[in-house]
C-alpha atoms as a PDB file:
ATOM      1  CA  UNK A   1       9.761 -14.521  11.737  1.00  0.00           C
ATOM      2  CA  UNK A   2       9.632 -11.087  10.152  1.00  0.00           C
ATOM      3  CA  UNK A   3       7.837 -10.744   6.838  1.00  0.00           C
ATOM      4  CA  UNK A   4       8.468  -7.217   6.223  1.00  0.00           C
ATOM      5  CA  UNK A   5       9.983  -7.020   2.537  1.00  0.00           C
ATOM      6  CA  UNK A   6      12.707  -4.212   2.174  1.00  0.00           C
ATOM      7  CA  UNK A   7      15.650  -5.032   0.217  1.00  0.00           C
ATOM      8  CA  UNK A   8      16.884  -1.728  -2.548  1.00  0.00           C
ATOM      9  CA  UNK A   9      15.345  -3.104  -5.696  1.00  0.00           C
ATOM     10  CA  UNK A  10      12.350  -4.231  -3.880  1.00  0.00           C
ATOM     11  CA  UNK A  11      11.221  -1.108  -2.180  1.00  0.00           C
ATOM     12  CA  UNK A  12      11.746   1.992  -4.349  1.00  0.00           C
ATOM     13  CA  UNK A  13      10.931   4.660  -1.701  1.00  0.00           C
ATOM     14  CA  UNK A  14      13.214   3.251   1.052  1.00  0.00           C
ATOM     15  CA  UNK A  15      16.411   5.571   1.897  1.00  0.00           C
ATOM     16  CA  UNK A  16      18.853   3.843   3.915  1.00  0.00           C
ATOM     17  CA  UNK A  17      18.069  -0.019   4.825  1.00  0.00           C
ATOM     18  CA  UNK A  18      20.357  -0.401   6.735  1.00  0.00           C
ATOM     19  CA  UNK A  19      20.045   1.753   9.858  1.00  0.00           C
ATOM     20  CA  UNK A  20      17.591   0.166  12.142  1.00  0.00           C
ATOM     21  CA  UNK A  21      13.963   1.479  11.787  1.00  0.00           C
ATOM     22  CA  UNK A  22      12.060   2.685  14.557  1.00  0.00           C
ATOM     23  CA  UNK A  23       9.029   0.036  14.992  1.00  0.00           C
ATOM     24  CA  UNK A  24       5.491   1.739  14.546  1.00  0.00           C
ATOM     25  CA  UNK A  25       3.939  -1.502  15.070  1.00  0.00           C
ATOM     26  CA  UNK A  26       4.983  -4.609  15.960  1.00  0.00           C
ATOM     27  CA  UNK A  27       2.692  -8.324  15.607  1.00  0.00           C
ATOM     28  CA  UNK A  28       4.527 -11.669  16.738  1.00  0.00           C
ATOM     29  CA  UNK A  29       1.862 -14.728  16.575  1.00  0.00           C
ATOM     30  CA  UNK A  30      -1.246 -12.833  16.238  1.00  0.00           C
ATOM     31  CA  UNK A  31      -4.212 -15.577  15.950  1.00  0.00           C
ATOM     32  CA  UNK A  32      -8.029 -15.147  15.901  1.00  0.00           C
ATOM     33  CA  UNK A  33     -10.711 -17.565  14.861  1.00  0.00           C
ATOM     34  CA  UNK A  34     -14.886 -17.303  14.409  1.00  0.00           C
ATOM     35  CA  UNK A  35     -15.467 -20.431  15.245  1.00  0.00           C
ATOM     36  CA  UNK A  36     -13.645 -23.112  12.788  1.00  0.00           C
ATOM     37  CA  UNK A  37     -12.745 -20.444  10.687  1.00  0.00           C
ATOM     38  CA  UNK A  38      -9.124 -19.164  11.618  1.00  0.00           C
ATOM     39  CA  UNK A  39      -8.713 -15.453   9.958  1.00  0.00           C
ATOM     40  CA  UNK A  40      -5.509 -14.789  11.449  1.00  0.00           C
ATOM     41  CA  UNK A  41      -3.282 -17.860  12.120  1.00  0.00           C
ATOM     42  CA  UNK A  42      -0.030 -16.486  13.316  1.00  0.00           C
ATOM     43  CA  UNK A  43       0.603 -13.232  11.692  1.00  0.00           C
ATOM     44  CA  UNK A  44       3.903 -11.786  12.602  1.00  0.00           C
ATOM     45  CA  UNK A  45       5.561  -8.554  10.796  1.00  0.00           C
ATOM     46  CA  UNK A  46       7.219  -5.176  11.955  1.00  0.00           C
ATOM     47  CA  UNK A  47       5.693  -1.588  10.278  1.00  0.00           C
ATOM     48  CA  UNK A  48       8.118   0.916  10.946  1.00  0.00           C
ATOM     49  CA  UNK A  49       7.583   4.917  11.523  1.00  0.00           C
ATOM     50  CA  UNK A  50       8.300   7.015   8.780  1.00  0.00           C
ATOM     51  CA  UNK A  51       7.237   4.370   6.227  1.00  0.00           C
ATOM     52  CA  UNK A  52       4.687   2.887   4.125  1.00  0.00           C
ATOM     53  CA  UNK A  53       4.035  -0.580   4.921  1.00  0.00           C
ATOM     54  CA  UNK A  54       1.311  -2.598   2.021  1.00  0.00           C
ATOM     55  CA  UNK A  55      -0.393  -5.174   3.155  1.00  0.00           C
ATOM     56  CA  UNK A  56      -1.140  -7.875   1.008  1.00  0.00           C
ATOM     57  CA  UNK A  57      -3.768 -10.967   0.083  1.00  0.00           C
ATOM     58  CA  UNK A  58      -6.710 -11.885  -1.691  1.00  0.00           C
ATOM     59  CA  UNK A  59      -9.866 -11.516  -0.586  1.00  0.00           C
ATOM     60  CA  UNK A  60     -10.369 -14.000   2.404  1.00  0.00           C
ATOM     61  CA  UNK A  61      -6.548 -13.602   3.556  1.00  0.00           C
ATOM     62  CA  UNK A  62      -7.630 -12.255   6.857  1.00  0.00           C
ATOM     63  CA  UNK A  63      -6.359  -8.301   5.576  1.00  0.00           C
ATOM     64  CA  UNK A  64      -9.291  -6.926   7.647  1.00  0.00           C
ATOM     65  CA  UNK A  65      -9.330  -9.025  10.801  1.00  0.00           C
ATOM     66  CA  UNK A  66      -5.898  -8.089  11.050  1.00  0.00           C
ATOM     67  CA  UNK A  67      -6.165  -4.706  10.951  1.00  0.00           C
ATOM     68  CA  UNK A  68      -9.157  -4.732  13.665  1.00  0.00           C
ATOM     69  CA  UNK A  69      -6.783  -6.591  15.995  1.00  0.00           C
ATOM     70  CA  UNK A  70      -3.913  -3.857  15.668  1.00  0.00           C
ATOM     71  CA  UNK A  71      -6.387  -1.346  16.051  1.00  0.00           C
ATOM     72  CA  UNK A  72      -7.917  -2.776  19.634  1.00  0.00           C
ATOM     73  CA  UNK A  73     -11.327  -3.371  18.388  1.00  0.00           C
ATOM     74  CA  UNK A  74     -10.570  -7.256  18.187  1.00  0.00           C
ATOM     75  CA  UNK A  75      -8.404  -9.281  20.980  1.00  0.00           C
ATOM     76  CA  UNK A  76      -6.412 -12.167  19.539  1.00  0.00           C
ATOM     77  CA  UNK A  77      -6.613 -15.667  21.105  1.00  0.00           C
ATOM     78  CA  UNK A  78      -3.203 -15.845  21.335  1.00  0.00           C
ATOM     79  CA  UNK A  79      -0.136 -13.447  20.433  1.00  0.00           C
ATOM     80  CA  UNK A  80       0.310 -10.056  20.740  1.00  0.00           C
ATOM     81  CA  UNK A  81       0.489  -6.829  19.252  1.00  0.00           C
ATOM     82  CA  UNK A  82       1.856  -3.212  19.976  1.00  0.00           C
ATOM     83  CA  UNK A  83       1.488   0.264  18.241  1.00  0.00           C
ATOM     84  CA  UNK A  84       4.625   2.295  18.841  1.00  0.00           C
ATOM     85  CA  UNK A  85       5.387   0.833  22.110  1.00  0.00           C
ATOM     86  CA  UNK A  86       1.725   0.476  23.740  1.00  0.00           C
ATOM     87  CA  UNK A  87       0.182  -3.011  23.866  1.00  0.00           C
ATOM     88  CA  UNK A  88      -3.020  -3.748  22.117  1.00  0.00           C
ATOM     89  CA  UNK A  89      -4.605  -5.423  24.952  1.00  0.00           C
ATOM     90  CA  UNK A  90      -2.603  -4.670  28.020  1.00  0.00           C
ATOM     91  CA  UNK A  91      -2.408  -0.729  27.091  1.00  0.00           C
ATOM     92  CA  UNK A  92      -5.289  -0.884  25.100  1.00  0.00           C
ATOM     93  CA  UNK A  93      -6.914   2.905  25.691  1.00  0.00           C
ATOM     94  CA  UNK A  94      -2.577   4.684  24.916  1.00  0.00           C
ATOM     95  CA  UNK A  95      -2.358   2.187  22.015  1.00  0.00           C
ATOM     96  CA  UNK A  96      -5.434   3.321  20.563  1.00  0.00           C
ATOM     97  CA  UNK A  97      -4.756   6.611  21.260  1.00  0.00           C
ATOM     98  CA  UNK A  98      -1.767   6.667  18.094  1.00  0.00           C
ATOM     99  CA  UNK A  99      -4.327   5.096  15.954  1.00  0.00           C
ATOM    100  CA  UNK A 100      -5.713   7.121  13.076  1.00  0.00           C
ATOM    101  CA  UNK A 101      -8.119   4.474  11.727  1.00  0.00           C
ATOM    102  CA  UNK A 102     -10.088   4.349   8.369  1.00  0.00           C
ATOM    103  CA  UNK A 103     -12.217   0.805   7.819  1.00  0.00           C
ATOM    104  CA  UNK A 104     -13.262   0.240   4.196  1.00  0.00           C
ATOM    105  CA  UNK A 105     -16.724   1.408   4.283  1.00  0.00           C
ATOM    106  CA  UNK A 106     -16.813   4.829   6.035  1.00  0.00           C
ATOM    107  CA  UNK A 107     -20.340   5.490   7.493  1.00  0.00           C
ATOM    108  CA  UNK A 108     -21.132   9.400   7.928  1.00  0.00           C
ATOM    109  CA  UNK A 109     -24.093  11.474   8.858  1.00  0.00           C
ATOM    110  CA  UNK A 110     -24.980  12.340   5.657  1.00  0.00           C
ATOM    111  CA  UNK A 111     -27.129  15.391   7.055  1.00  0.00           C
ATOM    112  CA  UNK A 112     -23.831  16.803   8.065  1.00  0.00           C
ATOM    113  CA  UNK A 113     -21.254  19.274   6.223  1.00  0.00           C
ATOM    114  CA  UNK A 114     -17.742  18.033   5.742  1.00  0.00           C
ATOM    115  CA  UNK A 115     -16.855  20.293   8.098  1.00  0.00           C
ATOM    116  CA  UNK A 116     -19.149  19.134  11.014  1.00  0.00           C
ATOM    117  CA  UNK A 117     -18.371  16.022  10.135  1.00  0.00           C
ATOM    118  CA  UNK A 118     -14.485  16.295  11.442  1.00  0.00           C
ATOM    119  CA  UNK A 119     -15.129  19.078  13.741  1.00  0.00           C
ATOM    120  CA  UNK A 120     -17.739  16.704  15.959  1.00  0.00           C
ATOM    121  CA  UNK A 121     -14.806  13.960  15.708  1.00  0.00           C
ATOM    122  CA  UNK A 122     -11.584  16.724  16.426  1.00  0.00           C
ATOM    123  CA  UNK A 123     -13.918  17.935  19.571  1.00  0.00           C
ATOM    124  CA  UNK A 124     -14.304  14.237  20.606  1.00  0.00           C
ATOM    125  CA  UNK A 125     -10.757  14.557  20.640  1.00  0.00           C
ATOM    126  CA  UNK A 126     -10.667  17.270  23.175  1.00  0.00           C
ATOM    127  CA  UNK A 127     -10.315  20.092  20.754  1.00  0.00           C
ATOM    128  CA  UNK A 128     -12.015  23.168  21.642  1.00  0.00           C
ATOM    129  CA  UNK A 129     -14.657  24.489  18.838  1.00  0.00           C
ATOM    130  CA  UNK A 130     -12.039  26.990  17.202  1.00  0.00           C
ATOM    131  CA  UNK A 131      -9.386  24.409  17.071  1.00  0.00           C
ATOM    132  CA  UNK A 132     -11.973  21.713  15.758  1.00  0.00           C
ATOM    133  CA  UNK A 133     -13.020  23.651  13.057  1.00  0.00           C
ATOM    134  CA  UNK A 134      -9.632  24.896  12.088  1.00  0.00           C
ATOM    135  CA  UNK A 135      -8.226  21.436  11.654  1.00  0.00           C
ATOM    136  CA  UNK A 136     -11.621  20.267   9.690  1.00  0.00           C
ATOM    137  CA  UNK A 137     -10.573  23.011   7.470  1.00  0.00           C
ATOM    138  CA  UNK A 138      -6.507  22.270   7.692  1.00  0.00           C
ATOM    139  CA  UNK A 139      -7.886  18.143   6.588  1.00  0.00           C
ATOM    140  CA  UNK A 140     -10.177  19.158   3.916  1.00  0.00           C
ATOM    141  CA  UNK A 141      -7.448  21.191   2.571  1.00  0.00           C
ATOM    142  CA  UNK A 142      -5.491  17.626   2.623  1.00  0.00           C
ATOM    143  CA  UNK A 143      -7.789  15.736   1.233  1.00  0.00           C
ATOM    144  CA  UNK A 144      -8.505  17.946  -1.794  1.00  0.00           C
ATOM    145  CA  UNK A 145     -11.935  18.340  -0.284  1.00  0.00           C
ATOM    146  CA  UNK A 146     -12.014  22.528   0.001  1.00  0.00           C
ATOM    147  CA  UNK A 147     -14.550  23.016  -2.071  1.00  0.00           C
ATOM    148  CA  UNK A 148     -16.902  20.397  -0.531  1.00  0.00           C
ATOM    149  CA  UNK A 149     -16.690  22.138   3.146  1.00  0.00           C
ATOM    150  CA  UNK A 150     -20.018  23.380   4.080  1.00  0.00           C
ATOM    151  CA  UNK A 151     -21.875  20.524   1.386  1.00  0.00           C
ATOM    152  CA  UNK A 152     -23.415  17.849   3.234  1.00  0.00           C
ATOM    153  CA  UNK A 153     -21.829  15.072   3.221  1.00  0.00           C
ATOM    154  CA  UNK A 154     -24.982  13.059   0.871  1.00  0.00           C
ATOM    155  CA  UNK A 155     -23.390  14.557  -2.366  1.00  0.00           C
ATOM    156  CA  UNK A 156     -20.160  13.366  -2.495  1.00  0.00           C
ATOM    157  CA  UNK A 157     -18.942  10.668  -4.248  1.00  0.00           C
ATOM    158  CA  UNK A 158     -18.013   7.010  -3.060  1.00  0.00           C
ATOM    159  CA  UNK A 159     -14.280   8.018  -4.332  1.00  0.00           C
ATOM    160  CA  UNK A 160     -14.959  11.279  -1.750  1.00  0.00           C
ATOM    161  CA  UNK A 161     -16.242   9.712   0.674  1.00  0.00           C
ATOM    162  CA  UNK A 162     -12.784   7.745   1.159  1.00  0.00           C
ATOM    163  CA  UNK A 163     -10.721  11.021   1.143  1.00  0.00           C
ATOM    164  CA  UNK A 164     -12.679  12.020   3.770  1.00  0.00           C
ATOM    165  CA  UNK A 165     -12.412   8.988   6.117  1.00  0.00           C
ATOM    166  CA  UNK A 166      -8.736   9.439   5.811  1.00  0.00           C
ATOM    167  CA  UNK A 167      -9.465  13.360   6.857  1.00  0.00           C
ATOM    168  CA  UNK A 168     -11.476  11.601   9.772  1.00  0.00           C
ATOM    169  CA  UNK A 169      -8.436   9.108  10.426  1.00  0.00           C
ATOM    170  CA  UNK A 170      -5.838  12.031  11.042  1.00  0.00           C
ATOM    171  CA  UNK A 171      -8.252  14.564  13.126  1.00  0.00           C
ATOM    172  CA  UNK A 172      -6.261  13.932  16.384  1.00  0.00           C
ATOM    173  CA  UNK A 173      -2.839  13.256  14.566  1.00  0.00           C
ATOM    174  CA  UNK A 174      -2.194  10.088  15.262  1.00  0.00           C
ATOM    175  CA  UNK A 175       1.348   8.441  14.390  1.00  0.00           C
ATOM    176  CA  UNK A 176      -0.283   5.247  13.236  1.00  0.00           C
ATOM    177  CA  UNK A 177      -2.383   4.665  10.399  1.00  0.00           C
ATOM    178  CA  UNK A 178      -4.538   1.818   9.641  1.00  0.00           C
ATOM    179  CA  UNK A 179      -6.127   1.973   6.414  1.00  0.00           C
ATOM    180  CA  UNK A 180      -8.077  -0.686   4.578  1.00  0.00           C
ATOM    181  CA  UNK A 181      -8.483  -0.384   0.909  1.00  0.00           C
ATOM    182  CA  UNK A 182      -8.278   3.674   1.242  1.00  0.00           C
ATOM    183  CA  UNK A 183      -8.088   3.674  -3.081  1.00  0.00           C
ATOM    184  CA  UNK A 184     -11.225   1.871  -3.010  1.00  0.00           C
ATOM    185  CA  UNK A 185     -13.802   4.111  -5.510  1.00  0.00           C
ATOM    186  CA  UNK A 186     -11.216   6.760  -6.367  1.00  0.00           C
ATOM    187  CA  UNK A 187     -10.748   8.122  -9.521  1.00  0.00           C
ATOM    188  CA  UNK A 188      -6.619   7.635 -11.614  1.00  0.00           C
ATOM    189  CA  UNK A 189      -6.987  11.751 -10.527  1.00  0.00           C
ATOM    190  CA  UNK A 190      -7.516  10.883  -6.552  1.00  0.00           C
ATOM    191  CA  UNK A 191      -5.162   8.185  -6.653  1.00  0.00           C
ATOM    192  CA  UNK A 192      -2.398  10.002  -7.387  1.00  0.00           C
ATOM    193  CA  UNK A 193      -3.424  12.497  -4.705  1.00  0.00           C
ATOM    194  CA  UNK A 194      -4.061   9.440  -2.032  1.00  0.00           C
ATOM    195  CA  UNK A 195      -0.611   8.622  -3.007  1.00  0.00           C
ATOM    196  CA  UNK A 196       0.799  11.862  -2.633  1.00  0.00           C
ATOM    197  CA  UNK A 197      -0.533  12.460   0.822  1.00  0.00           C
ATOM    198  CA  UNK A 198       0.375   9.052   2.420  1.00  0.00           C
ATOM    199  CA  UNK A 199       4.068   9.373   0.810  1.00  0.00           C
ATOM    200  CA  UNK A 200       3.927  12.754   3.115  1.00  0.00           C
ATOM    201  CA  UNK A 201       2.467  11.156   6.095  1.00  0.00           C
ATOM    202  CA  UNK A 202       5.517   9.074   5.517  1.00  0.00           C
ATOM    203  CA  UNK A 203       7.616  11.527   5.238  1.00  0.00           C
ATOM    204  CA  UNK A 204       6.339  13.238   8.557  1.00  0.00           C
ATOM    205  CA  UNK A 205       7.796   9.762  10.223  1.00  0.00           C
ATOM    206  CA  UNK A 206       4.186   8.596  10.778  1.00  0.00           C
ATOM    207  CA  UNK A 207       4.134   4.722  10.157  1.00  0.00           C
ATOM    208  CA  UNK A 208       1.284   3.858   7.501  1.00  0.00           C
ATOM    209  CA  UNK A 209      -0.321   0.547   6.897  1.00  0.00           C
ATOM    210  CA  UNK A 210      -2.254   0.086   4.381  1.00  0.00           C
ATOM    211  CA  UNK A 211      -4.123  -3.122   3.104  1.00  0.00           C
ATOM    212  CA  UNK A 212      -4.996  -4.169  -0.269  1.00  0.00           C
ATOM    213  CA  UNK A 213      -5.780  -6.466  -2.641  1.00  0.00           C
ATOM    214  CA  UNK A 214      -5.428  -4.504  -5.728  1.00  0.00           C
ATOM    215  CA  UNK A 215      -1.656  -4.196  -6.541  1.00  0.00           C
ATOM    216  CA  UNK A 216      -1.438  -1.608  -8.871  1.00  0.00           C
ATOM    217  CA  UNK A 217      -3.030   1.238  -6.163  1.00  0.00           C
ATOM    218  CA  UNK A 218      -0.113  -0.132  -4.005  1.00  0.00           C
ATOM    219  CA  UNK A 219       3.245  -0.392  -6.688  1.00  0.00           C
ATOM    220  CA  UNK A 220       4.052   3.982  -6.366  1.00  0.00           C
ATOM    221  CA  UNK A 221       3.293   4.316  -3.009  1.00  0.00           C
ATOM    222  CA  UNK A 222       4.972   1.467  -0.621  1.00  0.00           C
ATOM    223  CA  UNK A 223       8.423   1.039   1.158  1.00  0.00           C
ATOM    224  CA  UNK A 224       8.025  -2.420   2.531  1.00  0.00           C
ATOM    225  CA  UNK A 225       5.027  -5.368   1.840  1.00  0.00           C
ATOM    226  CA  UNK A 226       3.654  -7.814   3.856  1.00  0.00           C
ATOM    227  CA  UNK A 227       1.882 -10.664   2.347  1.00  0.00           C
ATOM    228  CA  UNK A 228      -1.162 -12.420   3.704  1.00  0.00           C
ATOM    229  CA  UNK A 229      -1.442 -16.271   2.789  1.00  0.00           C
ATOM    230  CA  UNK A 230      -4.831 -17.896   4.705  1.00  0.00           C
ATOM    231  CA  UNK A 231      -4.409 -15.710   7.920  1.00  0.00           C
ATOM    232  CA  UNK A 232      -0.693 -16.311   8.155  1.00  0.00           C
ATOM    233  CA  UNK A 233       2.217 -13.627   6.955  1.00  0.00           C
ATOM    234  CA  UNK A 234       4.466 -15.314   3.867  1.00  0.00           C
ATOM    235  CA  UNK A 235       8.278 -15.012   4.259  1.00  0.00           C
ATOM    236  CA  UNK A 236       8.910 -13.440   0.900  1.00  0.00           C
ATOM    237  CA  UNK A 237      12.880 -12.965   1.249  1.00  0.00           C
ATOM    238  CA  UNK A 238      12.957 -15.457  -1.175  1.00  0.00           C
ATOM    239  CA  UNK A 239      10.603 -14.317  -3.885  1.00  0.00           C
ATOM    240  CA  UNK A 240      12.361 -10.591  -2.903  1.00  0.00           C
ATOM    241  CA  UNK A 241      15.553 -11.410  -4.993  1.00  0.00           C
ATOM    242  CA  UNK A 242      16.248 -11.750  -8.774  1.00  0.00           C
ATOM    243  CA  UNK A 243      14.308 -14.210 -10.088  1.00  0.00           C
ATOM    244  CA  UNK A 244      15.774 -16.828 -13.023  1.00  0.00           C
ATOM    245  CA  UNK A 245      12.851 -17.567 -14.423  1.00  0.00           C
ATOM    246  CA  UNK A 246      11.540 -15.297 -17.313  1.00  0.00           C
ATOM    247  CA  UNK A 247       8.616 -13.024 -17.328  1.00  0.00           C
ATOM    248  CA  UNK A 248       7.689 -10.242 -20.244  1.00  0.00           C
ATOM    249  CA  UNK A 249       9.031  -7.253 -20.689  1.00  0.00           C
ATOM    250  CA  UNK A 250       7.113  -4.112 -23.084  1.00  0.00           C
ATOM    251  CA  UNK A 251       9.733  -2.705 -25.929  1.00  0.00           C
ATOM    252  CA  UNK A 252       9.480  -0.491 -27.809  1.00  0.00           C
ATOM    253  CA  UNK A 253      11.666   2.297 -30.351  1.00  0.00           C
ATOM    254  CA  UNK A 254      11.230   5.377 -32.067  1.00  0.00           C
ATOM    255  CA  UNK A 255      11.641   2.870 -35.193  1.00  0.00           C
ATOM    256  CA  UNK A 256       9.455  -0.174 -34.636  1.00  0.00           C
ATOM    257  CA  UNK A 257      10.576  -1.570 -37.855  1.00  0.00           C
ATOM    258  CA  UNK A 258      14.425  -0.995 -37.119  1.00  0.00           C
ATOM    259  CA  UNK A 259      13.698  -2.459 -33.431  1.00  0.00           C
ATOM    260  CA  UNK A 260      11.753  -6.071 -35.066  1.00  0.00           C
ATOM    261  CA  UNK A 261      15.046  -6.603 -37.392  1.00  0.00           C
ATOM    262  CA  UNK A 262      17.427  -6.245 -34.453  1.00  0.00           C
ATOM    263  CA  UNK A 263      15.419  -8.790 -32.584  1.00  0.00           C
ATOM    264  CA  UNK A 264      15.730 -11.441 -35.117  1.00  0.00           C
ATOM    265  CA  UNK A 265      18.878 -10.905 -35.875  1.00  0.00           C
ATOM    266  CA  UNK A 266      20.144 -11.171 -32.351  1.00  0.00           C
ATOM    267  CA  UNK A 267      17.882 -14.646 -32.637  1.00  0.00           C
ATOM    268  CA  UNK A 268      15.645 -13.252 -29.569  1.00  0.00           C
ATOM    269  CA  UNK A 269      12.456 -13.946 -29.771  1.00  0.00           C
ATOM    270  CA  UNK A 270       9.237 -11.864 -29.592  1.00  0.00           C
ATOM    271  CA  UNK A 271       5.896 -11.461 -29.566  1.00  0.00           C
ATOM    272  CA  UNK A 272       3.774  -7.991 -31.218  1.00  0.00           C
ATOM    273  CA  UNK A 273       2.285  -6.099 -28.479  1.00  0.00           C
ATOM    274  CA  UNK A 274      -0.252  -2.879 -28.517  1.00  0.00           C
ATOM    275  CA  UNK A 275       0.942  -0.226 -30.850  1.00  0.00           C
ATOM    276  CA  UNK A 276       4.461  -0.504 -32.210  1.00  0.00           C
ATOM    277  CA  UNK A 277       5.805  -2.069 -29.357  1.00  0.00           C
ATOM    278  CA  UNK A 278       6.706  -5.925 -28.966  1.00  0.00           C
ATOM    279  CA  UNK A 279       6.936  -8.144 -25.704  1.00  0.00           C
ATOM    280  CA  UNK A 280       9.873 -10.256 -25.217  1.00  0.00           C
ATOM    281  CA  UNK A 281      10.844 -12.774 -22.071  1.00  0.00           C
ATOM    282  CA  UNK A 282      13.961 -11.638 -20.127  1.00  0.00           C
ATOM    283  CA  UNK A 283      14.984 -13.065 -16.878  1.00  0.00           C
ATOM    284  CA  UNK A 284      15.432  -9.769 -14.711  1.00  0.00           C
ATOM    285  CA  UNK A 285      16.869  -6.343 -15.017  1.00  0.00           C
ATOM    286  CA  UNK A 286      20.530  -7.387 -15.821  1.00  0.00           C
ATOM    287  CA  UNK A 287      18.729  -9.096 -19.067  1.00  0.00           C
ATOM    288  CA  UNK A 288      16.909  -5.501 -19.930  1.00  0.00           C
ATOM    289  CA  UNK A 289      20.081  -4.020 -19.208  1.00  0.00           C
ATOM    290  CA  UNK A 290      21.794  -5.882 -21.709  1.00  0.00           C
ATOM    291  CA  UNK A 291      18.776  -6.019 -24.353  1.00  0.00           C
ATOM    292  CA  UNK A 292      19.497  -1.893 -23.985  1.00  0.00           C
ATOM    293  CA  UNK A 293      22.858  -1.955 -24.304  1.00  0.00           C
ATOM    294  CA  UNK A 294      22.410  -3.791 -27.547  1.00  0.00           C
ATOM    295  CA  UNK A 295      20.236  -2.357 -29.167  1.00  0.00           C
ATOM    296  CA  UNK A 296      21.848   0.881 -29.024  1.00  0.00           C
ATOM    297  CA  UNK A 297      24.850  -0.744 -29.917  1.00  0.00           C
ATOM    298  CA  UNK A 298      22.712  -1.823 -33.261  1.00  0.00           C
ATOM    299  CA  UNK A 299      21.714   2.144 -33.796  1.00  0.00           C
ATOM    300  CA  UNK A 300      18.190   0.956 -32.333  1.00  0.00           C
ATOM    301  CA  UNK A 301      16.790   3.501 -29.759  1.00  0.00           C
ATOM    302  CA  UNK A 302      14.807   2.351 -27.814  1.00  0.00           C
ATOM    303  CA  UNK A 303      12.079   4.744 -25.393  1.00  0.00           C
ATOM    304  CA  UNK A 304      10.166   2.059 -23.717  1.00  0.00           C
ATOM    305  CA  UNK A 305      11.403  -0.760 -21.637  1.00  0.00           C
ATOM    306  CA  UNK A 306       9.647  -2.223 -19.060  1.00  0.00           C
ATOM    307  CA  UNK A 307       8.208  -5.333 -16.890  1.00  0.00           C
ATOM    308  CA  UNK A 308       4.359  -6.220 -18.150  1.00  0.00           C
ATOM    309  CA  UNK A 309       3.934  -6.338 -13.941  1.00  0.00           C
ATOM    310  CA  UNK A 310       5.090  -4.285 -11.263  1.00  0.00           C
ATOM    311  CA  UNK A 311       7.423  -5.622  -8.268  1.00  0.00           C
ATOM    312  CA  UNK A 312       4.473  -6.679  -6.371  1.00  0.00           C
ATOM    313  CA  UNK A 313       2.414  -8.661  -8.490  1.00  0.00           C
ATOM    314  CA  UNK A 314       5.755 -10.813  -9.640  1.00  0.00           C
ATOM    315  CA  UNK A 315       6.779 -11.281  -6.101  1.00  0.00           C
ATOM    316  CA  UNK A 316       2.848 -11.943  -5.388  1.00  0.00           C
ATOM    317  CA  UNK A 317       2.381 -14.471  -8.344  1.00  0.00           C
ATOM    318  CA  UNK A 318       5.628 -16.375  -7.071  1.00  0.00           C
ATOM    319  CA  UNK A 319       4.119 -17.699  -4.024  1.00  0.00           C
ATOM    320  CA  UNK A 320       3.315 -21.235  -4.302  1.00  0.00           C
ATOM    321  CA  UNK A 321       1.244 -20.998  -1.145  1.00  0.00           C
ATOM    322  CA  UNK A 322      -1.979 -18.575  -3.152  1.00  0.00           C
ATOM    323  CA  UNK A 323      -3.639 -21.147  -5.085  1.00  0.00           C
ATOM    324  CA  UNK A 324      -7.222 -20.472  -3.644  1.00  0.00           C
END
């Protein structure tokens, strides 16, 4: 059962979902237990090349164990997975050569400079010393750390070390990236920069699988989503469709008083929100469009109308399975 979510109204960056995508990652029935704990209990999904796939689930849902299986660092009890067509068990070295792996905690040699750390990894992948130094400087620029090139890693903040970890994962120009909580510790500016980097990597044709339990980190970067619950992939096809359940929307106008008068006259219940905005309950984007049209017709120009939660959060909260 494929659980990648990509209908047009649910995948903001996908361009042509009618064409079959090249599978960068394929997993079928993956299982891995630790004693009595079934950390991964039948995971099946596909992550296409040239796209960012979000791996979503709460803490303890099996995200990190799944990434370790895909990276070839753990052997599955059953099921299988392939990276760019290479089986992670029977063709382990070839599969791992295609992977850029970024764990949730990136260990560094604190006494070495950022350039030295990256060039050391580059040399391990067979680059000559001049090539390794050039690659290190190129990647430090890509992750906005050029000014720290000659400085020891011990001076880096948590967020800066995360960006150095991403650069290290890119040293050997992998076709598949496995990123475990890459935005952890990043400030808002760094998160925007990370988003731009990930979108650029996907545009270059790479497969990017990003794990996170903070949905706001993924909302503006993902093309497809895979949801995990208690070690299993969850079919989100139903959740991705428009729902009849009402959800809160923020509405604001140039004239807040006129907006409230319009809503009262139209018999639309509302609650006061932050500033001059109001919260109304709508059934989806069609209802929002109708509200905008009616407000404009009544001479009430709106300047803000948006759901209180993003697409991923709405889909996540619609899961009956996720009650832990």
